[in-house]
Amino acid sequence: CAAVIIGLLIHALLVYIGLLKIFTKISVTHFLKSISQAQLLAFSTSSSGATLPVTMKCAEEKLGASKEVSSFVLPLGATINMD
């Protein structure tokens, strides 16, 4: 159990934050603060579908994603993740 948690933390910290730093100009702190509301809801409900409206709001209002992009990419990602 501890090995899985450590592996997930390494993946989140190295891969996701690494990709964020390489491909965007958003600071890690700003990104994490911007998605905190959606992440808290996702962890408490364990449902990407239930968090979709909050995630879209965070992406549009706090991260500056356009409505067209967020309304296409986020539902697509939630659907693909349903395995």
PDB file of N, CA and C in Angstrom:
ATOM      1  N   CYS A   1       0.824  -1.193   0.000  1.00  0.00           N
ATOM      2  CA  CYS A   1       0.000   0.000   0.000  1.00  0.00           C
ATOM      3  C   CYS A   1       0.874   1.266   0.000  1.00  0.00           C
ATOM      4  N   ALA A   2       1.898   1.264   0.820  1.00  0.00           N
ATOM      5  CA  ALA A   2       2.781   2.430   0.885  1.00  0.00           C
ATOM      6  C   ALA A   2       3.541   2.614  -0.428  1.00  0.00           C
ATOM      7  N   ALA A   3       3.900   1.510  -1.064  1.00  0.00           N
ATOM      8  CA  ALA A   3       4.625   1.602  -2.332  1.00  0.00           C
ATOM      9  C   ALA A   3       3.757   2.234  -3.418  1.00  0.00           C
ATOM     10  N   VAL A   4       2.475   1.921  -3.405  1.00  0.00           N
ATOM     11  CA  VAL A   4       1.555   2.503  -4.389  1.00  0.00           C
ATOM     12  C   VAL A   4       1.431   4.007  -4.165  1.00  0.00           C
ATOM     13  N   ILE A   5       1.279   4.404  -2.928  1.00  0.00           N
ATOM     14  CA  ILE A   5       1.147   5.831  -2.611  1.00  0.00           C
ATOM     15  C   ILE A   5       2.421   6.583  -2.975  1.00  0.00           C
ATOM     16  N   ILE A   6       3.559   6.008  -2.669  1.00  0.00           N
ATOM     17  CA  ILE A   6       4.833   6.643  -3.017  1.00  0.00           C
ATOM     18  C   ILE A   6       4.973   6.749  -4.535  1.00  0.00           C
ATOM     19  N   GLY A   7       4.595   5.696  -5.244  1.00  0.00           N
ATOM     20  CA  GLY A   7       4.648   5.722  -6.704  1.00  0.00           C
ATOM     21  C   GLY A   7       3.744   6.783  -7.300  1.00  0.00           C
ATOM     22  N   LEU A   8       2.541   6.917  -6.754  1.00  0.00           N
ATOM     23  CA  LEU A   8       1.610   7.941  -7.240  1.00  0.00           C
ATOM     24  C   LEU A   8       2.133   9.349  -6.960  1.00  0.00           C
ATOM     25  N   LEU A   9       2.724   9.544  -5.799  1.00  0.00           N
ATOM     26  CA  LEU A   9       3.291  10.857  -5.476  1.00  0.00           C
ATOM     27  C   LEU A   9       4.453  11.206  -6.398  1.00  0.00           C
ATOM     28  N   ILE A  10       5.312  10.239  -6.644  1.00  0.00           N
ATOM     29  CA  ILE A  10       6.436  10.477  -7.562  1.00  0.00           C
ATOM     30  C   ILE A  10       5.913  10.811  -8.953  1.00  0.00           C
ATOM     31  N   HIS A  11       4.919  10.062  -9.394  1.00  0.00           N
ATOM     32  CA  HIS A  11       4.336  10.312 -10.717  1.00  0.00           C
ATOM     33  C   HIS A  11       3.734  11.712 -10.787  1.00  0.00           C
ATOM     34  N   ALA A  12       2.962  12.076  -9.786  1.00  0.00           N
ATOM     35  CA  ALA A  12       2.315  13.393  -9.783  1.00  0.00           C
ATOM     36  C   ALA A  12       3.346  14.513  -9.721  1.00  0.00           C
ATOM     37  N   LEU A  13       4.338  14.354  -8.874  1.00  0.00           N
ATOM     38  CA  LEU A  13       5.311  15.432  -8.706  1.00  0.00           C
ATOM     39  C   LEU A  13       6.276  15.542  -9.876  1.00  0.00           C
ATOM     40  N   LEU A  14       6.782  14.432 -10.343  1.00  0.00           N
ATOM     41  CA  LEU A  14       7.780  14.493 -11.406  1.00  0.00           C
ATOM     42  C   LEU A  14       7.158  14.650 -12.790  1.00  0.00           C
ATOM     43  N   VAL A  15       6.181  13.835 -13.098  1.00  0.00           N
ATOM     44  CA  VAL A  15       5.635  13.836 -14.456  1.00  0.00           C
ATOM     45  C   VAL A  15       4.708  15.025 -14.680  1.00  0.00           C
ATOM     46  N   TYR A  16       3.667  15.143 -13.881  1.00  0.00           N
ATOM     47  CA  TYR A  16       2.676  16.190 -14.131  1.00  0.00           C
ATOM     48  C   TYR A  16       3.242  17.591 -13.927  1.00  0.00           C
ATOM     49  N   ILE A  17       3.944  17.790 -12.840  1.00  0.00           N
ATOM     50  CA  ILE A  17       4.508  19.118 -12.597  1.00  0.00           C
ATOM     51  C   ILE A  17       5.642  19.397 -13.581  1.00  0.00           C
ATOM     52  N   GLY A  18       6.378  18.367 -13.955  1.00  0.00           N
ATOM     53  CA  GLY A  18       7.409  18.539 -14.976  1.00  0.00           C
ATOM     54  C   GLY A  18       6.818  18.972 -16.307  1.00  0.00           C
ATOM     55  N   LEU A  19       5.733  18.328 -16.717  1.00  0.00           N
ATOM     56  CA  LEU A  19       5.063  18.716 -17.962  1.00  0.00           C
ATOM     57  C   LEU A  19       4.492  20.127 -17.871  1.00  0.00           C
ATOM     58  N   LEU A  20       3.972  20.481 -16.714  1.00  0.00           N
ATOM     59  CA  LEU A  20       3.443  21.832 -16.509  1.00  0.00           C
ATOM     60  C   LEU A  20       4.546  22.869 -16.684  1.00  0.00           C
ATOM     61  N   LYS A  21       5.702  22.611 -16.114  1.00  0.00           N
ATOM     62  CA  LYS A  21       6.814  23.555 -16.219  1.00  0.00           C
ATOM     63  C   LYS A  21       7.376  23.624 -17.642  1.00  0.00           C
ATOM     64  N   ILE A  22       7.391  22.497 -18.336  1.00  0.00           N
ATOM     65  CA  ILE A  22       7.962  22.471 -19.686  1.00  0.00           C
ATOM     66  C   ILE A  22       7.044  23.144 -20.705  1.00  0.00           C
ATOM     67  N   PHE A  23       5.748  22.861 -20.643  1.00  0.00           N
ATOM     68  CA  PHE A  23       4.843  23.282 -21.708  1.00  0.00           C
ATOM     69  C   PHE A  23       4.016  24.531 -21.416  1.00  0.00           C
ATOM     70  N   THR A  24       4.030  25.032 -20.193  1.00  0.00           N
ATOM     71  CA  THR A  24       3.244  26.230 -19.887  1.00  0.00           C
ATOM     72  C   THR A  24       4.097  27.248 -19.146  1.00  0.00           C
ATOM     73  N   LYS A  25       3.565  28.439 -19.050  1.00  0.00           N
ATOM     74  CA  LYS A  25       4.236  29.492 -18.291  1.00  0.00           C
ATOM     75  C   LYS A  25       3.547  29.723 -16.946  1.00  0.00           C
ATOM     76  N   ILE A  26       2.620  28.839 -16.600  1.00  0.00           N
ATOM     77  CA  ILE A  26       1.891  28.958 -15.336  1.00  0.00           C
ATOM     78  C   ILE A  26       2.785  28.455 -14.210  1.00  0.00           C
ATOM     79  N   SER A  27       2.817  29.194 -13.110  1.00  0.00           N
ATOM     80  CA  SER A  27       3.602  28.722 -11.968  1.00  0.00           C
ATOM     81  C   SER A  27       2.890  27.537 -11.321  1.00  0.00           C
ATOM     82  N   VAL A  28       3.671  26.677 -10.731  1.00  0.00           N
ATOM     83  CA  VAL A  28       3.122  25.480 -10.095  1.00  0.00           C
ATOM     84  C   VAL A  28       2.185  25.873  -8.956  1.00  0.00           C
ATOM     85  N   THR A  29       2.570  26.867  -8.187  1.00  0.00           N
ATOM     86  CA  THR A  29       1.746  27.315  -7.065  1.00  0.00           C
ATOM     87  C   THR A  29       0.396  27.836  -7.546  1.00  0.00           C
ATOM     88  N   HIS A  30       0.407  28.659  -8.577  1.00  0.00           N
ATOM     89  CA  HIS A  30      -0.845  29.192  -9.123  1.00  0.00           C
ATOM     90  C   HIS A  30      -1.728  28.061  -9.652  1.00  0.00           C
ATOM     91  N   PHE A  31      -1.131  27.116 -10.346  1.00  0.00           N
ATOM     92  CA  PHE A  31      -1.891  25.992 -10.894  1.00  0.00           C
ATOM     93  C   PHE A  31      -2.536  25.171  -9.784  1.00  0.00           C
ATOM     94  N   LEU A  32      -1.751  24.833  -8.765  1.00  0.00           N
ATOM     95  CA  LEU A  32      -2.281  24.007  -7.679  1.00  0.00           C
ATOM     96  C   LEU A  32      -3.377  24.730  -6.900  1.00  0.00           C
ATOM     97  N   LYS A  33      -3.210  26.031  -6.689  1.00  0.00           N
ATOM     98  CA  LYS A  33      -4.263  26.800  -6.015  1.00  0.00           C
ATOM     99  C   LYS A  33      -5.515  26.879  -6.880  1.00  0.00           C
ATOM    100  N   SER A  34      -5.330  26.995  -8.183  1.00  0.00           N
ATOM    101  CA  SER A  34      -6.466  27.134  -9.092  1.00  0.00           C
ATOM    102  C   SER A  34      -7.293  25.864  -9.196  1.00  0.00           C
ATOM    103  N   ILE A  35      -6.656  24.712  -9.090  1.00  0.00           N
ATOM    104  CA  ILE A  35      -7.401  23.459  -9.232  1.00  0.00           C
ATOM    105  C   ILE A  35      -7.783  22.833  -7.892  1.00  0.00           C
ATOM    106  N   SER A  36      -7.455  23.491  -6.795  1.00  0.00           N
ATOM    107  CA  SER A  36      -7.676  22.885  -5.475  1.00  0.00           C
ATOM    108  C   SER A  36      -9.149  22.570  -5.209  1.00  0.00           C
ATOM    109  N   GLN A  37     -10.050  23.445  -5.621  1.00  0.00           N
ATOM    110  CA  GLN A  37     -11.479  23.202  -5.389  1.00  0.00           C
ATOM    111  C   GLN A  37     -11.946  21.956  -6.145  1.00  0.00           C
ATOM    112  N   ALA A  38     -11.536  21.826  -7.383  1.00  0.00           N
ATOM    113  CA  ALA A  38     -11.918  20.656  -8.180  1.00  0.00           C
ATOM    114  C   ALA A  38     -11.268  19.386  -7.632  1.00  0.00           C
ATOM    115  N   GLN A  39     -10.015  19.476  -7.212  1.00  0.00           N
ATOM    116  CA  GLN A  39      -9.325  18.306  -6.674  1.00  0.00           C
ATOM    117  C   GLN A  39      -9.962  17.834  -5.369  1.00  0.00           C
ATOM    118  N   LEU A  40     -10.328  18.765  -4.511  1.00  0.00           N
ATOM    119  CA  LEU A  40     -10.972  18.395  -3.248  1.00  0.00           C
ATOM    120  C   LEU A  40     -12.291  17.670  -3.504  1.00  0.00           C
ATOM    121  N   LEU A  41     -13.069  18.178  -4.435  1.00  0.00           N
ATOM    122  CA  LEU A  41     -14.335  17.518  -4.775  1.00  0.00           C
ATOM    123  C   LEU A  41     -14.084  16.154  -5.415  1.00  0.00           C
ATOM    124  N   ALA A  42     -13.082  16.064  -6.268  1.00  0.00           N
ATOM    125  CA  ALA A  42     -12.769  14.790  -6.928  1.00  0.00           C
ATOM    126  C   ALA A  42     -12.343  13.733  -5.914  1.00  0.00           C
ATOM    127  N   PHE A  43     -11.502  14.109  -4.970  1.00  0.00           N
ATOM    128  CA  PHE A  43     -11.056  13.142  -3.964  1.00  0.00           C
ATOM    129  C   PHE A  43     -12.187  12.744  -3.024  1.00  0.00           C
ATOM    130  N   SER A  44     -13.099  13.665  -2.743  1.00  0.00           N
ATOM    131  CA  SER A  44     -14.177  13.341  -1.807  1.00  0.00           C
ATOM    132  C   SER A  44     -15.301  12.541  -2.461  1.00  0.00           C
ATOM    133  N   THR A  45     -15.494  12.682  -3.772  1.00  0.00           N
ATOM    134  CA  THR A  45     -16.568  11.942  -4.436  1.00  0.00           C
ATOM    135  C   THR A  45     -16.069  10.747  -5.237  1.00  0.00           C
ATOM    136  N   SER A  46     -14.800  10.727  -5.586  1.00  0.00           N
ATOM    137  CA  SER A  46     -14.210   9.675  -6.439  1.00  0.00           C
ATOM    138  C   SER A  46     -14.943   9.557  -7.770  1.00  0.00           C
ATOM    139  N   SER A  47     -15.405  10.689  -8.286  1.00  0.00           N
ATOM    140  CA  SER A  47     -16.147  10.684  -9.544  1.00  0.00           C
ATOM    141  C   SER A  47     -15.715  11.862 -10.403  1.00  0.00           C
ATOM    142  N   SER A  48     -15.133  11.561 -11.554  1.00  0.00           N
ATOM    143  CA  SER A  48     -14.734  12.645 -12.451  1.00  0.00           C
ATOM    144  C   SER A  48     -15.951  13.295 -13.099  1.00  0.00           C
ATOM    145  N   GLY A  49     -17.021  12.530 -13.273  1.00  0.00           N
ATOM    146  CA  GLY A  49     -18.246  13.090 -13.841  1.00  0.00           C
ATOM    147  C   GLY A  49     -18.902  14.100 -12.918  1.00  0.00           C
ATOM    148  N   ALA A  50     -18.875  13.815 -11.632  1.00  0.00           N
ATOM    149  CA  ALA A  50     -19.486  14.728 -10.661  1.00  0.00           C
ATOM    150  C   ALA A  50     -18.694  16.022 -10.525  1.00  0.00           C
ATOM    151  N   THR A  51     -17.407  15.961 -10.775  1.00  0.00           N
ATOM    152  CA  THR A  51     -16.576  17.157 -10.626  1.00  0.00           C
ATOM    153  C   THR A  51     -16.471  17.976 -11.904  1.00  0.00           C
ATOM    154  N   LEU A  52     -17.043  17.487 -12.975  1.00  0.00           N
ATOM    155  CA  LEU A  52     -16.882  18.154 -14.268  1.00  0.00           C
ATOM    156  C   LEU A  52     -17.315  19.624 -14.264  1.00  0.00           C
ATOM    157  N   PRO A  53     -18.467  19.990 -13.720  1.00  0.00           N
ATOM    158  CA  PRO A  53     -18.829  21.418 -13.717  1.00  0.00           C
ATOM    159  C   PRO A  53     -17.841  22.288 -12.931  1.00  0.00           C
ATOM    160  N   VAL A  54     -17.370  21.781 -11.800  1.00  0.00           N
ATOM    161  CA  VAL A  54     -16.414  22.543 -10.989  1.00  0.00           C
ATOM    162  C   VAL A  54     -15.071  22.634 -11.709  1.00  0.00           C
ATOM    163  N   THR A  55     -14.659  21.550 -12.330  1.00  0.00           N
ATOM    164  CA  THR A  55     -13.400  21.545 -13.074  1.00  0.00           C
ATOM    165  C   THR A  55     -13.454  22.526 -14.236  1.00  0.00           C
ATOM    166  N   MET A  56     -14.573  22.561 -14.939  1.00  0.00           N
ATOM    167  CA  MET A  56     -14.716  23.500 -16.054  1.00  0.00           C
ATOM    168  C   MET A  56     -14.681  24.941 -15.556  1.00  0.00           C
ATOM    169  N   LYS A  57     -15.316  25.195 -14.430  1.00  0.00           N
ATOM    170  CA  LYS A  57     -15.310  26.543 -13.864  1.00  0.00           C
ATOM    171  C   LYS A  57     -13.890  26.955 -13.470  1.00  0.00           C
ATOM    172  N   CYS A  58     -13.154  26.051 -12.836  1.00  0.00           N
ATOM    173  CA  CYS A  58     -11.768  26.349 -12.450  1.00  0.00           C
ATOM    174  C   CYS A  58     -10.898  26.598 -13.680  1.00  0.00           C
ATOM    175  N   ALA A  59     -11.062  25.774 -14.694  1.00  0.00           N
ATOM    176  CA  ALA A  59     -10.244  25.916 -15.905  1.00  0.00           C
ATOM    177  C   ALA A  59     -10.530  27.239 -16.608  1.00  0.00           C
ATOM    178  N   GLU A  60     -11.790  27.612 -16.671  1.00  0.00           N
ATOM    179  CA  GLU A  60     -12.157  28.834 -17.388  1.00  0.00           C
ATOM    180  C   GLU A  60     -11.853  30.090 -16.586  1.00  0.00           C
ATOM    181  N   GLU A  61     -12.273  30.111 -15.327  1.00  0.00           N
ATOM    182  CA  GLU A  61     -12.159  31.340 -14.543  1.00  0.00           C
ATOM    183  C   GLU A  61     -10.785  31.540 -13.916  1.00  0.00           C
ATOM    184  N   LYS A  62     -10.176  30.470 -13.448  1.00  0.00           N
ATOM    185  CA  LYS A  62      -8.916  30.623 -12.719  1.00  0.00           C
ATOM    186  C   LYS A  62      -7.683  30.385 -13.583  1.00  0.00           C
ATOM    187  N   LEU A  63      -7.812  29.528 -14.594  1.00  0.00           N
ATOM    188  CA  LEU A  63      -6.653  29.222 -15.435  1.00  0.00           C
ATOM    189  C   LEU A  63      -6.715  29.889 -16.800  1.00  0.00           C
ATOM    190  N   GLY A  64      -7.851  30.489 -17.134  1.00  0.00           N
ATOM    191  CA  GLY A  64      -7.959  31.242 -18.373  1.00  0.00           C
ATOM    192  C   GLY A  64      -8.199  30.416 -19.623  1.00  0.00           C
ATOM    193  N   ALA A  65      -8.653  29.187 -19.471  1.00  0.00           N
ATOM    194  CA  ALA A  65      -8.965  28.367 -20.650  1.00  0.00           C
ATOM    195  C   ALA A  65     -10.259  28.883 -21.280  1.00  0.00           C
ATOM    196  N   SER A  66     -10.330  28.828 -22.584  1.00  0.00           N
ATOM    197  CA  SER A  66     -11.553  29.282 -23.249  1.00  0.00           C
ATOM    198  C   SER A  66     -12.677  28.269 -23.021  1.00  0.00           C
ATOM    199  N   LYS A  67     -13.905  28.747 -23.114  1.00  0.00           N
ATOM    200  CA  LYS A  67     -15.065  27.880 -22.914  1.00  0.00           C
ATOM    201  C   LYS A  67     -15.101  26.778 -23.970  1.00  0.00           C
ATOM    202  N   GLU A  68     -14.710  27.106 -25.192  1.00  0.00           N
ATOM    203  CA  GLU A  68     -14.713  26.119 -26.271  1.00  0.00           C
ATOM    204  C   GLU A  68     -13.753  24.967 -25.972  1.00  0.00           C
ATOM    205  N   VAL A  69     -12.571  25.309 -25.494  1.00  0.00           N
ATOM    206  CA  VAL A  69     -11.568  24.278 -25.201  1.00  0.00           C
ATOM    207  C   VAL A  69     -11.990  23.448 -24.001  1.00  0.00           C
ATOM    208  N   SER A  70     -12.389  24.112 -22.917  1.00  0.00           N
ATOM    209  CA  SER A  70     -12.737  23.363 -21.706  1.00  0.00           C
ATOM    210  C   SER A  70     -13.984  22.512 -21.899  1.00  0.00           C
ATOM    211  N   SER A  71     -14.941  22.985 -22.685  1.00  0.00           N
ATOM    212  CA  SER A  71     -16.161  22.198 -22.878  1.00  0.00           C
ATOM    213  C   SER A  71     -15.946  21.012 -23.815  1.00  0.00           C
ATOM    214  N   PHE A  72     -14.836  20.983 -24.534  1.00  0.00           N
ATOM    215  CA  PHE A  72     -14.515  19.829 -25.374  1.00  0.00           C
ATOM    216  C   PHE A  72     -13.527  18.891 -24.680  1.00  0.00           C
ATOM    217  N   VAL A  73     -12.439  19.447 -24.168  1.00  0.00           N
ATOM    218  CA  VAL A  73     -11.346  18.629 -23.637  1.00  0.00           C
ATOM    219  C   VAL A  73     -11.708  17.961 -22.310  1.00  0.00           C
ATOM    220  N   LEU A  74     -12.315  18.684 -21.395  1.00  0.00           N
ATOM    221  CA  LEU A  74     -12.587  18.115 -20.075  1.00  0.00           C
ATOM    222  C   LEU A  74     -13.612  16.975 -20.108  1.00  0.00           C
ATOM    223  N   PRO A  75     -14.751  17.104 -20.802  1.00  0.00           N
ATOM    224  CA  PRO A  75     -15.649  15.944 -20.891  1.00  0.00           C
ATOM    225  C   PRO A  75     -15.016  14.761 -21.627  1.00  0.00           C
ATOM    226  N   LEU A  76     -14.215  15.051 -22.642  1.00  0.00           N
ATOM    227  CA  LEU A  76     -13.527  13.976 -23.361  1.00  0.00           C
ATOM    228  C   LEU A  76     -12.575  13.235 -22.427  1.00  0.00           C
ATOM    229  N   GLY A  77     -11.806  13.985 -21.654  1.00  0.00           N
ATOM    230  CA  GLY A  77     -10.890  13.366 -20.697  1.00  0.00           C
ATOM    231  C   GLY A  77     -11.617  12.569 -19.627  1.00  0.00           C
ATOM    232  N   ALA A  78     -12.745  13.085 -19.149  1.00  0.00           N
ATOM    233  CA  ALA A  78     -13.524  12.357 -18.141  1.00  0.00           C
ATOM    234  C   ALA A  78     -14.087  11.065 -18.719  1.00  0.00           C
ATOM    235  N   THR A  79     -14.501  11.102 -19.978  1.00  0.00           N
ATOM    236  CA  THR A  79     -15.044   9.907 -20.624  1.00  0.00           C
ATOM    237  C   THR A  79     -13.953   8.868 -20.869  1.00  0.00           C
ATOM    238  N   ILE A  80     -12.807   9.307 -21.338  1.00  0.00           N
ATOM    239  CA  ILE A  80     -11.701   8.381 -21.594  1.00  0.00           C
ATOM    240  C   ILE A  80     -11.218   7.743 -20.296  1.00  0.00           C
ATOM    241  N   ASN A  81     -11.292   8.489 -19.208  1.00  0.00           N
ATOM    242  CA  ASN A  81     -10.810   7.999 -17.910  1.00  0.00           C
ATOM    243  C   ASN A  81     -11.753   6.979 -17.274  1.00  0.00           C
ATOM    244  N   MET A  82     -12.919   6.740 -17.842  1.00  0.00           N
ATOM    245  CA  MET A  82     -13.889   5.806 -17.254  1.00  0.00           C
ATOM    246  C   MET A  82     -13.538   4.363 -17.614  1.00  0.00           C
ATOM    247  N   ASP A  83     -12.539   3.834 -16.983  1.00  0.00           N
ATOM    248  CA  ASP A  83     -12.166   2.442 -17.258  1.00  0.00           C
ATOM    249  C   ASP A  83     -12.215   1.579 -16.041  1.00  0.00           C
TER     250      ASP A  83
END
